Amino acid sequence: MIIGLFAIVSLVCKAQEHIPTIDDYKRFIKSKTMVVLEDAIMSEYNIVIKDIMARSWDITPYEVISFKQFEELKDDPDLSFLMTTVVSFAKDKTKARYNFLSLVMGEPKANVKTMPDLCSLPLSYLKVDEESYNYKLEAFILFIQNHVRNVLQNEKLIGENALKLYNAQAKGALANKTLLLVKEDLAKELRTEAAIKAVYPYKFRIVEREEIAEAIERQDPDVVFLHKVGPEGTRVNARVYKILVGAADSKLYYWNYEMMDHASDDAFQAKDFKKLK
């Protein structure tokens, strides 16, 4: 498994630099999407993504391919690619690496880090086990499709910080939802119902991962769940992403990230709850 992990790191990109244009999104709608499997030995992602694509992908025709096939096909501008990528951010100066789910367009002389990036979502910090996000993948696949459709209606959603625009659209929407939270994602002082009620006025429940997976599978219209991406104790200097996603509509109800100063910053905190009111 360690050998498999090193193989992924050496094959995928260090950073994604190419901001797409509206023409790239129009080209995507006419494309065939190639779903690129990971080269990692015994990758659970490879099993999960096949089932999800068959059930939830409807925006383009698609085909499942290996990474070797991706290397052969990436120069084709009539193809799009859904794949996991290893991403780092030069401006952060931390050398932290993250695992992202990315939808990119093929182009002549393509390089993964410069291919038009239609939508990328953080899955985990690189060294964090994939079990921390695989159960949420279906909601992410639905969001990526919805995001493309939204961009075609509103070009302002293109750009590095475009996903933050969803925050304004979601204001007030959580009043009619139940927020599902996993205890380990919360700041230590917020791991009880009483503590959360003091800073958050709407419905919520602290649950196990399985309950979130079930809500996503049945596409529960009343549920929003937290997706927190951080180093999980493996380091201090890194980004922490905090994202709220609808289990049924796959909308982003909250999108934010910040750099850690202390290990305790790797959590959903009271200041995050206060922003949701």
Protein backbone atom coordinates (compact mmCIF):
# COMPACT_ATOMS: atom_id res chain seq x y z
CA MET A 1 0.00 0.00 0.00
CA ILE A 2 2.93 2.36 0.70
CA ILE A 3 4.34 1.61 -2.75
CA GLY A 4 0.94 2.37 -4.26
CA LEU A 5 0.77 5.71 -2.43
CA PHE A 6 4.18 6.78 -3.70
CA ALA A 7 3.07 5.86 -7.21
CA ILE A 8 0.12 8.26 -6.97
CA VAL A 9 2.23 11.11 -5.63
CA SER A 10 4.77 10.76 -8.42
CA LEU A 11 2.14 10.65 -11.14
CA VAL A 12 -0.29 13.44 -10.32
CA CYS A 13 0.07 17.19 -10.13
CA LYS A 14 1.64 19.41 -7.49
CA ALA A 15 -0.76 22.30 -8.10
CA GLN A 16 -3.60 23.20 -10.39
CA GLU A 17 -2.94 26.54 -11.97
CA HIS A 18 -5.20 26.82 -15.00
CA ILE A 19 -8.39 28.81 -14.44
CA PRO A 20 -10.97 27.68 -17.04
CA THR A 21 -13.01 29.89 -19.35
CA ILE A 22 -16.72 29.65 -20.11
CA ASP A 23 -15.75 27.99 -23.41
CA ASP A 24 -14.13 25.17 -21.46
CA TYR A 25 -17.43 24.51 -19.71
CA LYS A 26 -19.29 24.56 -23.03
CA ARG A 27 -16.71 22.14 -24.41
CA PHE A 28 -17.24 19.88 -21.39
CA ILE A 29 -20.98 19.52 -22.05
CA LYS A 30 -20.14 18.07 -25.48
CA SER A 31 -17.35 15.84 -24.16
CA LYS A 32 -17.10 12.26 -22.99
CA THR A 33 -15.90 12.05 -19.38
CA MET A 34 -13.13 9.58 -18.60
CA VAL A 35 -13.20 8.46 -14.96
CA VAL A 36 -9.57 7.82 -14.02
CA LEU A 37 -8.94 5.08 -11.49
CA GLU A 38 -6.14 5.36 -8.95
CA ASP A 39 -3.01 3.26 -9.39
CA ALA A 40 -2.94 2.50 -5.66
CA ILE A 41 -3.05 -1.15 -4.75
CA MET A 42 -6.36 -2.13 -3.10
CA SER A 43 -7.86 1.34 -3.57
CA GLU A 44 -11.35 1.47 -2.06
CA TYR A 45 -11.95 4.64 -4.09
CA ASN A 46 -11.81 2.61 -7.33
CA ILE A 47 -14.65 0.39 -6.13
CA VAL A 48 -16.79 3.19 -4.74
CA ILE A 49 -16.46 5.57 -7.69
CA LYS A 50 -17.66 2.95 -10.21
CA ASP A 51 -20.90 2.40 -8.27
CA ILE A 52 -21.48 6.13 -7.79
CA MET A 53 -20.92 6.99 -11.45
CA ALA A 54 -23.40 4.34 -12.56
CA ARG A 55 -26.00 5.70 -10.14
CA SER A 56 -25.47 9.47 -10.17
CA TRP A 57 -23.58 10.75 -13.23
CA ASP A 58 -25.93 12.05 -15.93
CA ILE A 59 -24.34 15.20 -17.37
CA THR A 60 -22.14 13.51 -20.02
CA PRO A 61 -21.42 10.01 -21.35
CA TYR A 62 -18.56 8.45 -19.37
CA GLU A 63 -16.05 5.62 -19.39
CA VAL A 64 -13.81 4.22 -16.64
CA ILE A 65 -10.08 4.13 -17.49
CA SER A 66 -6.71 3.48 -15.85
CA PHE A 67 -4.13 6.18 -15.17
CA LYS A 68 -1.99 4.72 -17.96
CA GLN A 69 -4.89 5.28 -20.37
CA PHE A 70 -5.26 8.83 -19.06
CA GLU A 71 -1.64 9.52 -20.04
CA GLU A 72 -2.50 8.36 -23.56
CA LEU A 73 -5.78 10.32 -23.85
CA LYS A 74 -5.22 13.59 -21.95
CA ASP A 75 -4.28 15.54 -25.10
CA ASP A 76 -7.74 15.01 -26.62
CA PRO A 77 -9.79 18.25 -26.34
CA ASP A 78 -13.02 16.29 -26.84
CA LEU A 79 -12.50 14.42 -23.57
CA SER A 80 -12.94 15.46 -19.96
CA PHE A 81 -11.42 13.67 -16.97
CA LEU A 82 -12.70 13.03 -13.45
CA MET A 83 -9.81 12.06 -11.20
CA THR A 84 -8.15 12.41 -7.83
CA THR A 85 -5.19 14.80 -7.79
CA VAL A 86 -2.51 15.67 -5.27
CA VAL A 87 -2.49 19.45 -4.84
CA SER A 88 -0.19 21.87 -3.06
CA PHE A 89 -0.33 25.67 -2.94
CA ALA A 90 2.90 27.58 -3.58
CA LYS A 91 1.60 30.74 -1.91
CA ASP A 92 1.01 28.83 1.37
CA LYS A 93 4.75 28.04 1.68
CA THR A 94 3.91 25.01 3.85
CA LYS A 95 4.52 22.23 1.31
CA ALA A 96 1.29 20.66 2.61
CA ARG A 97 -0.32 18.31 0.09
CA TYR A 98 -4.02 17.58 -0.28
CA ASN A 99 -6.08 14.98 -2.08
CA PHE A 100 -8.66 16.63 -4.36
CA LEU A 101 -11.44 15.32 -6.62
CA SER A 102 -11.04 17.21 -9.90
CA LEU A 103 -12.89 17.58 -13.18
CA VAL A 104 -10.47 18.74 -15.88
CA MET A 105 -10.58 19.17 -19.65
CA GLY A 106 -8.25 17.53 -22.14
CA GLU A 107 -6.13 19.76 -24.34
CA PRO A 108 -3.15 19.41 -26.70
CA LYS A 109 0.17 18.88 -24.86
CA ALA A 110 -1.80 18.53 -21.63
CA ASN A 111 -0.20 18.60 -18.19
CA VAL A 112 -2.44 17.83 -15.22
CA LYS A 113 -1.50 20.98 -13.32
CA THR A 114 -2.32 23.25 -16.27
CA MET A 115 -5.39 21.52 -17.74
CA PRO A 116 -8.59 23.62 -17.45
CA ASP A 117 -9.91 22.80 -13.97
CA LEU A 118 -13.72 22.96 -14.09
CA CYS A 119 -14.25 22.00 -10.46
CA SER A 120 -12.05 20.69 -7.67
CA LEU A 121 -13.12 19.71 -4.17
CA PRO A 122 -10.75 18.84 -1.31
CA LEU A 123 -11.16 15.26 -0.13
CA SER A 124 -8.46 15.02 2.53
CA TYR A 125 -4.97 15.94 3.57
CA LEU A 126 -2.67 13.55 1.70
CA LYS A 127 -1.73 11.29 4.62
CA VAL A 128 -5.30 10.93 5.93
CA ASP A 129 -7.04 7.60 5.29
CA GLU A 130 -9.52 7.55 2.40
CA GLU A 131 -12.19 6.17 4.73
CA SER A 132 -12.57 9.75 5.97
CA TYR A 133 -14.17 10.82 2.67
CA ASN A 134 -15.22 7.84 0.52
CA TYR A 135 -18.65 7.70 2.15
CA LYS A 136 -19.31 11.31 1.02
CA LEU A 137 -18.21 10.88 -2.61
CA GLU A 138 -21.70 10.63 -4.09
CA ALA A 139 -22.65 14.08 -2.79
CA PHE A 140 -19.44 15.48 -4.28
CA ILE A 141 -20.13 13.90 -7.66
CA LEU A 142 -23.60 15.45 -7.67
CA PHE A 143 -22.19 18.84 -6.63
CA ILE A 144 -19.61 18.86 -9.44
CA GLN A 145 -22.35 18.31 -12.02
CA ASN A 146 -24.54 21.00 -10.46
CA HIS A 147 -21.62 23.41 -10.34
CA VAL A 148 -20.99 23.02 -14.07
CA ARG A 149 -24.64 23.73 -14.80
CA ASN A 150 -24.54 26.75 -12.49
CA VAL A 151 -21.44 28.15 -14.20
CA LEU A 152 -23.14 27.92 -17.57
CA GLN A 153 -25.84 30.18 -16.11
CA ASN A 154 -23.49 32.46 -14.15
CA GLU A 155 -19.87 32.99 -15.25
CA LYS A 156 -19.06 34.67 -11.92
CA LEU A 157 -18.73 31.16 -10.47
CA ILE A 158 -15.47 30.72 -12.41
CA GLY A 159 -12.25 31.42 -10.50
CA GLU A 160 -10.08 30.43 -7.57
CA ASN A 161 -12.48 31.73 -4.90
CA ALA A 162 -15.70 31.13 -6.83
CA LEU A 163 -17.04 28.50 -4.43
CA LYS A 164 -17.26 31.14 -1.70
CA LEU A 165 -20.08 32.74 -3.71
CA TYR A 166 -22.29 29.85 -2.64
CA ASN A 167 -22.13 31.14 0.95
CA ALA A 168 -24.25 34.17 0.10
CA GLN A 169 -26.77 32.05 -1.79
CA ALA A 170 -27.20 29.73 1.19
CA LYS A 171 -27.80 32.37 3.87
CA GLY A 172 -30.78 31.46 6.01
CA ALA A 173 -31.26 28.10 4.30
CA LEU A 174 -29.95 26.09 7.28
CA ALA A 175 -32.93 27.14 9.39
CA ASN A 176 -34.96 24.39 7.70
CA LYS A 177 -32.25 21.71 7.70
CA THR A 178 -30.74 19.25 10.16
CA LEU A 179 -26.96 19.52 10.32
CA LEU A 180 -25.18 16.17 10.82
CA LEU A 181 -21.81 16.38 12.56
CA VAL A 182 -19.14 13.79 13.37
CA LYS A 183 -17.69 14.39 16.83
CA GLU A 184 -14.06 14.09 15.69
CA ASP A 185 -14.54 17.04 13.30
CA LEU A 186 -15.58 19.39 16.09
CA ALA A 187 -13.45 21.49 18.42
CA LYS A 188 -13.03 19.65 21.73
CA GLU A 189 -15.14 22.20 23.61
CA LEU A 190 -18.02 21.67 21.15
CA ARG A 191 -18.43 17.91 21.33
CA THR A 192 -21.66 18.00 23.33
CA GLU A 193 -25.16 19.04 22.30
CA ALA A 194 -25.30 21.69 25.02
CA ALA A 195 -22.11 23.36 23.80
CA ILE A 196 -23.34 23.52 20.20
CA LYS A 197 -26.77 24.82 21.19
CA ALA A 198 -25.03 27.78 22.83
CA VAL A 199 -23.61 28.93 19.47
CA TYR A 200 -25.96 27.43 16.85
CA PRO A 201 -29.75 28.00 16.82
CA TYR A 202 -30.88 25.38 14.27
CA LYS A 203 -31.39 21.62 14.28
CA PHE A 204 -28.34 19.38 14.41
CA ARG A 205 -27.22 15.92 15.52
CA ILE A 206 -23.83 14.47 16.43
CA VAL A 207 -23.69 11.15 14.56
CA GLU A 208 -21.42 8.37 13.28
CA ARG A 209 -20.14 8.39 9.69
CA GLU A 210 -22.59 5.64 8.75
CA GLU A 211 -25.59 7.90 9.38
CA ILE A 212 -24.22 10.55 7.02
CA ALA A 213 -23.57 7.88 4.38
CA GLU A 214 -27.17 6.67 4.71
CA ALA A 215 -28.55 10.22 4.41
CA ILE A 216 -26.53 10.75 1.22
CA GLU A 217 -27.61 7.40 -0.22
CA ARG A 218 -31.30 8.10 0.32
CA GLN A 219 -30.75 11.77 -0.68
CA ASP A 220 -32.48 13.10 2.42
CA PRO A 221 -33.75 16.62 1.56
CA ASP A 222 -33.67 17.69 5.21
CA VAL A 223 -29.99 16.89 5.85
CA VAL A 224 -26.81 18.94 5.47
CA PHE A 225 -23.50 17.40 6.55
CA LEU A 226 -20.06 18.73 7.50
CA HIS A 227 -17.00 17.87 5.42
CA LYS A 228 -13.86 18.93 7.26
CA VAL A 229 -10.44 18.53 5.64
CA GLY A 230 -7.33 18.88 7.79
CA PRO A 231 -4.09 17.08 8.61
CA GLU A 232 -5.67 15.10 11.48
CA GLY A 233 -2.63 15.36 13.74
CA THR A 234 -0.05 14.59 11.06
CA ARG A 235 1.22 18.21 11.00
CA VAL A 236 0.28 21.72 12.13
CA ASN A 237 1.03 23.94 9.14
CA ALA A 238 -1.75 23.26 6.64
CA ARG A 239 -5.09 24.51 5.37
CA VAL A 240 -8.27 23.42 7.10
CA TYR A 241 -11.30 23.29 4.79
CA LYS A 242 -14.78 23.48 6.31
CA ILE A 243 -17.64 22.69 3.94
CA LEU A 244 -21.36 22.06 4.49
CA VAL A 245 -23.05 20.02 1.77
CA GLY A 246 -26.71 19.10 1.21
CA ALA A 247 -27.33 15.35 1.24
CA ALA A 248 -30.05 15.59 -1.43
CA ASP A 249 -29.44 18.77 -3.42
CA SER A 250 -25.61 18.63 -3.07
CA LYS A 251 -25.53 22.41 -2.65
CA LEU A 252 -22.74 24.10 -0.74
CA TYR A 253 -24.25 25.72 2.34
CA TYR A 254 -20.88 26.86 3.69
CA TRP A 255 -17.39 27.00 2.18
CA ASN A 256 -14.34 28.26 4.01
CA TYR A 257 -10.72 27.47 4.65
CA GLU A 258 -8.04 28.93 6.89
CA MET A 259 -4.42 28.26 7.76
CA MET A 260 -3.75 26.50 11.04
CA ASP A 261 -1.76 28.20 13.81
CA HIS A 262 -2.26 25.45 16.38
CA ALA A 263 -3.29 21.77 16.32
CA SER A 264 -6.64 22.77 17.85
CA ASP A 265 -7.46 24.78 14.70
CA ASP A 266 -8.06 21.52 12.81
CA ALA A 267 -11.76 21.50 13.67
CA PHE A 268 -15.13 23.12 13.09
CA GLN A 269 -15.18 25.85 15.70
CA ALA A 270 -17.58 28.20 17.48
CA LYS A 271 -16.72 31.01 15.05
CA ASP A 272 -17.81 28.75 12.16
CA PHE A 273 -21.16 28.02 13.79
CA LYS A 274 -21.72 31.73 14.38
CA LYS A 275 -21.24 32.44 10.66
CA LEU A 276 -24.14 30.09 9.90
CA LYS A 277 -26.81 32.09 11.73
